[in-house]
Amino acid sequence: MGQLVKLVVYIFQAPPISEEVAVDRNIINELAGKLAKAVPGEMQDLKSDLESNFRSLLQSGLGKLDLVTREEFNIQTKVLERTREKLERLERELEELQATDLNVDTQKSGNG
């Protein structure tokens, strides 16, 4: 239960963001259910109220986090892959040009 409480505290300390990302309701419901189940036995009669409150708190707290959708993440991953490929290609081209330039300089100094 300590970790769940830390998660809830962390969520509410997060700074708000301007754009909210919709979080899957199933995930929120699952987390709220887990939090409610973690409540000590003597408070189980309050379980449904607590679960409802946890659900509201999680929705509010998760709305403050700087999250991206899976689609956005996948797009950025592809952009990063293309950028890495381009960088590697440019590095190879630069090495080839430097090697060619070095050969030309060596030939000039040998002829001169």
C-alpha atoms as a PDB file:
ATOM      1  CA  MET A   1       0.000   0.000   0.000  1.00  0.00           C
ATOM      2  CA  GLY A   2       2.936   2.338   0.647  1.00  0.00           C
ATOM      3  CA  GLN A   3       3.832   2.407  -3.048  1.00  0.00           C
ATOM      4  CA  LEU A   4       0.251   3.197  -4.048  1.00  0.00           C
ATOM      5  CA  VAL A   5       0.132   6.083  -1.592  1.00  0.00           C
ATOM      6  CA  LYS A   6       3.452   7.375  -2.963  1.00  0.00           C
ATOM      7  CA  LEU A   7       2.000   7.194  -6.483  1.00  0.00           C
ATOM      8  CA  VAL A   8      -1.064   9.211  -5.474  1.00  0.00           C
ATOM      9  CA  VAL A   9       1.086  11.789  -3.657  1.00  0.00           C
ATOM     10  CA  TYR A  10       3.397  12.046  -6.678  1.00  0.00           C
ATOM     11  CA  ILE A  11       0.477  12.530  -9.042  1.00  0.00           C
ATOM     12  CA  PHE A  12      -0.856  15.456  -7.059  1.00  0.00           C
ATOM     13  CA  GLN A  13       2.494  17.156  -6.777  1.00  0.00           C
ATOM     14  CA  ALA A  14       2.962  17.172 -10.546  1.00  0.00           C
ATOM     15  CA  PRO A  15       2.656  20.576 -12.187  1.00  0.00           C
ATOM     16  CA  PRO A  16      -0.404  21.112 -14.367  1.00  0.00           C
ATOM     17  CA  ILE A  17      -0.004  21.135 -18.137  1.00  0.00           C
ATOM     18  CA  SER A  18      -1.902  23.106 -20.712  1.00  0.00           C
ATOM     19  CA  GLU A  19      -3.026  20.130 -22.817  1.00  0.00           C
ATOM     20  CA  GLU A  20      -4.643  17.150 -21.212  1.00  0.00           C
ATOM     21  CA  VAL A  21      -4.134  13.697 -22.629  1.00  0.00           C
ATOM     22  CA  ALA A  22      -7.042  11.356 -22.241  1.00  0.00           C
ATOM     23  CA  VAL A  23      -6.059   8.440 -20.037  1.00  0.00           C
ATOM     24  CA  ASP A  24      -7.762   5.114 -20.619  1.00  0.00           C
ATOM     25  CA  ARG A  25     -10.655   4.807 -18.151  1.00  0.00           C
ATOM     26  CA  ASN A  26      -9.899   1.122 -17.676  1.00  0.00           C
ATOM     27  CA  ILE A  27      -6.451   1.976 -16.332  1.00  0.00           C
ATOM     28  CA  ILE A  28      -7.910   4.539 -13.931  1.00  0.00           C
ATOM     29  CA  ASN A  29     -10.607   2.109 -12.793  1.00  0.00           C
ATOM     30  CA  GLU A  30      -8.016  -0.620 -12.292  1.00  0.00           C
ATOM     31  CA  LEU A  31      -5.757   1.664 -10.243  1.00  0.00           C
ATOM     32  CA  ALA A  32      -8.694   2.939  -8.179  1.00  0.00           C
ATOM     33  CA  GLY A  33      -9.750  -0.657  -7.507  1.00  0.00           C
ATOM     34  CA  LYS A  34      -6.229  -1.616  -6.427  1.00  0.00           C
ATOM     35  CA  LEU A  35      -6.051   1.382  -4.114  1.00  0.00           C
ATOM     36  CA  ALA A  36      -9.425   0.519  -2.611  1.00  0.00           C
ATOM     37  CA  LYS A  37      -8.360  -3.108  -2.070  1.00  0.00           C
ATOM     38  CA  ALA A  38      -5.221  -1.903  -0.290  1.00  0.00           C
ATOM     39  CA  VAL A  39      -7.327  -0.145   2.352  1.00  0.00           C
ATOM     40  CA  PRO A  40      -7.023  -1.775   5.796  1.00  0.00           C
ATOM     41  CA  GLY A  41      -9.775  -4.248   6.785  1.00  0.00           C
ATOM     42  CA  GLU A  42     -11.468  -1.971   9.305  1.00  0.00           C
ATOM     43  CA  MET A  43     -12.171   0.576   6.566  1.00  0.00           C
ATOM     44  CA  GLN A  44     -13.606  -1.881   4.001  1.00  0.00           C
ATOM     45  CA  ASP A  45     -17.167  -0.595   4.553  1.00  0.00           C
ATOM     46  CA  LEU A  46     -15.942   2.642   2.965  1.00  0.00           C
ATOM     47  CA  LYS A  47     -14.486   0.766   0.003  1.00  0.00           C
ATOM     48  CA  SER A  48     -16.949   1.975  -2.652  1.00  0.00           C
ATOM     49  CA  ASP A  49     -16.675   5.598  -1.490  1.00  0.00           C
ATOM     50  CA  LEU A  50     -12.896   5.353  -1.385  1.00  0.00           C
ATOM     51  CA  GLU A  51     -12.752   3.749  -4.822  1.00  0.00           C
ATOM     52  CA  SER A  52     -14.890   6.544  -6.253  1.00  0.00           C
ATOM     53  CA  ASN A  53     -12.697   9.170  -4.578  1.00  0.00           C
ATOM     54  CA  PHE A  54      -9.513   7.429  -5.747  1.00  0.00           C
ATOM     55  CA  ARG A  55     -10.905   7.365  -9.291  1.00  0.00           C
ATOM     56  CA  SER A  56     -11.589  11.121  -9.194  1.00  0.00           C
ATOM     57  CA  LEU A  57      -8.184  11.842  -7.706  1.00  0.00           C
ATOM     58  CA  LEU A  58      -6.418   9.726 -10.298  1.00  0.00           C
ATOM     59  CA  GLN A  59      -8.275  11.374 -13.184  1.00  0.00           C
ATOM     60  CA  SER A  60      -7.417  14.798 -11.817  1.00  0.00           C
ATOM     61  CA  GLY A  61      -3.823  13.915 -11.030  1.00  0.00           C
ATOM     62  CA  LEU A  62      -3.083  12.127 -14.273  1.00  0.00           C
ATOM     63  CA  GLY A  63      -4.473  15.116 -16.159  1.00  0.00           C
ATOM     64  CA  LYS A  64      -1.643  17.175 -14.666  1.00  0.00           C
ATOM     65  CA  LEU A  65       1.101  14.907 -15.980  1.00  0.00           C
ATOM     66  CA  ASP A  66       3.003  15.671 -19.150  1.00  0.00           C
ATOM     67  CA  LEU A  67       1.905  12.577 -21.073  1.00  0.00           C
ATOM     68  CA  VAL A  68       1.861  11.755 -24.754  1.00  0.00           C
ATOM     69  CA  THR A  69      -0.344   9.310 -26.554  1.00  0.00           C
ATOM     70  CA  ARG A  70       1.075   6.013 -27.842  1.00  0.00           C
ATOM     71  CA  GLU A  71       0.557   7.301 -31.381  1.00  0.00           C
ATOM     72  CA  GLU A  72       2.611  10.441 -30.705  1.00  0.00           C
ATOM     73  CA  PHE A  73       5.311   8.352 -29.040  1.00  0.00           C
ATOM     74  CA  ASN A  74       5.493   5.984 -32.036  1.00  0.00           C
ATOM     75  CA  ILE A  75       5.700   8.909 -34.460  1.00  0.00           C
ATOM     76  CA  GLN A  76       8.546  10.500 -32.506  1.00  0.00           C
ATOM     77  CA  THR A  77      10.340   7.139 -32.336  1.00  0.00           C
ATOM     78  CA  LYS A  78      10.212   6.872 -36.136  1.00  0.00           C
ATOM     79  CA  VAL A  79      11.432  10.473 -36.516  1.00  0.00           C
ATOM     80  CA  LEU A  80      14.326   9.720 -34.176  1.00  0.00           C
ATOM     81  CA  GLU A  81      15.226   6.564 -36.131  1.00  0.00           C
ATOM     82  CA  ARG A  82      15.285   8.507 -39.421  1.00  0.00           C
ATOM     83  CA  THR A  83      17.354  11.253 -37.819  1.00  0.00           C
ATOM     84  CA  ARG A  84      19.884   8.717 -36.510  1.00  0.00           C
ATOM     85  CA  GLU A  85      20.127   7.087 -39.942  1.00  0.00           C
ATOM     86  CA  LYS A  86      20.698  10.465 -41.575  1.00  0.00           C
ATOM     87  CA  LEU A  87      23.320  11.416 -38.990  1.00  0.00           C
ATOM     88  CA  GLU A  88      25.169   8.126 -39.511  1.00  0.00           C
ATOM     89  CA  ARG A  89      25.079   8.637 -43.288  1.00  0.00           C
ATOM     90  CA  LEU A  90      26.387  12.198 -42.947  1.00  0.00           C
ATOM     91  CA  GLU A  91      29.153  11.031 -40.596  1.00  0.00           C
ATOM     92  CA  ARG A  92      30.229   8.407 -43.171  1.00  0.00           C
ATOM     93  CA  GLU A  93      30.194  11.006 -45.953  1.00  0.00           C
ATOM     94  CA  LEU A  94      32.253  13.397 -43.829  1.00  0.00           C
ATOM     95  CA  GLU A  95      34.820  10.681 -43.071  1.00  0.00           C
ATOM     96  CA  GLU A  96      35.060   9.888 -46.796  1.00  0.00           C
ATOM     97  CA  LEU A  97      35.511  13.570 -47.671  1.00  0.00           C
ATOM     98  CA  GLN A  98      38.139  14.008 -44.960  1.00  0.00           C
ATOM     99  CA  ALA A  99      39.983  10.917 -46.188  1.00  0.00           C
ATOM    100  CA  THR A 100      39.832  12.207 -49.786  1.00  0.00           C
ATOM    101  CA  ASP A 101      41.031  15.656 -48.673  1.00  0.00           C
ATOM    102  CA  LEU A 102      43.883  14.076 -46.707  1.00  0.00           C
ATOM    103  CA  ASN A 103      44.919  12.057 -49.764  1.00  0.00           C
ATOM    104  CA  VAL A 104      44.862  15.190 -51.945  1.00  0.00           C
ATOM    105  CA  ASP A 105      46.948  17.128 -49.387  1.00  0.00           C
ATOM    106  CA  THR A 106      49.435  14.250 -49.170  1.00  0.00           C
ATOM    107  CA  GLN A 107      49.746  14.110 -52.953  1.00  0.00           C
ATOM    108  CA  LYS A 108      50.234  17.904 -53.172  1.00  0.00           C
ATOM    109  CA  SER A 109      52.944  17.930 -50.516  1.00  0.00           C
ATOM    110  CA  GLY A 110      54.680  14.979 -52.209  1.00  0.00           C
ATOM    111  CA  ASN A 111      54.666  16.745 -55.580  1.00  0.00           C
ATOM    112  CA  GLY A 112      55.732  20.090 -54.264  1.00  0.00           C
END
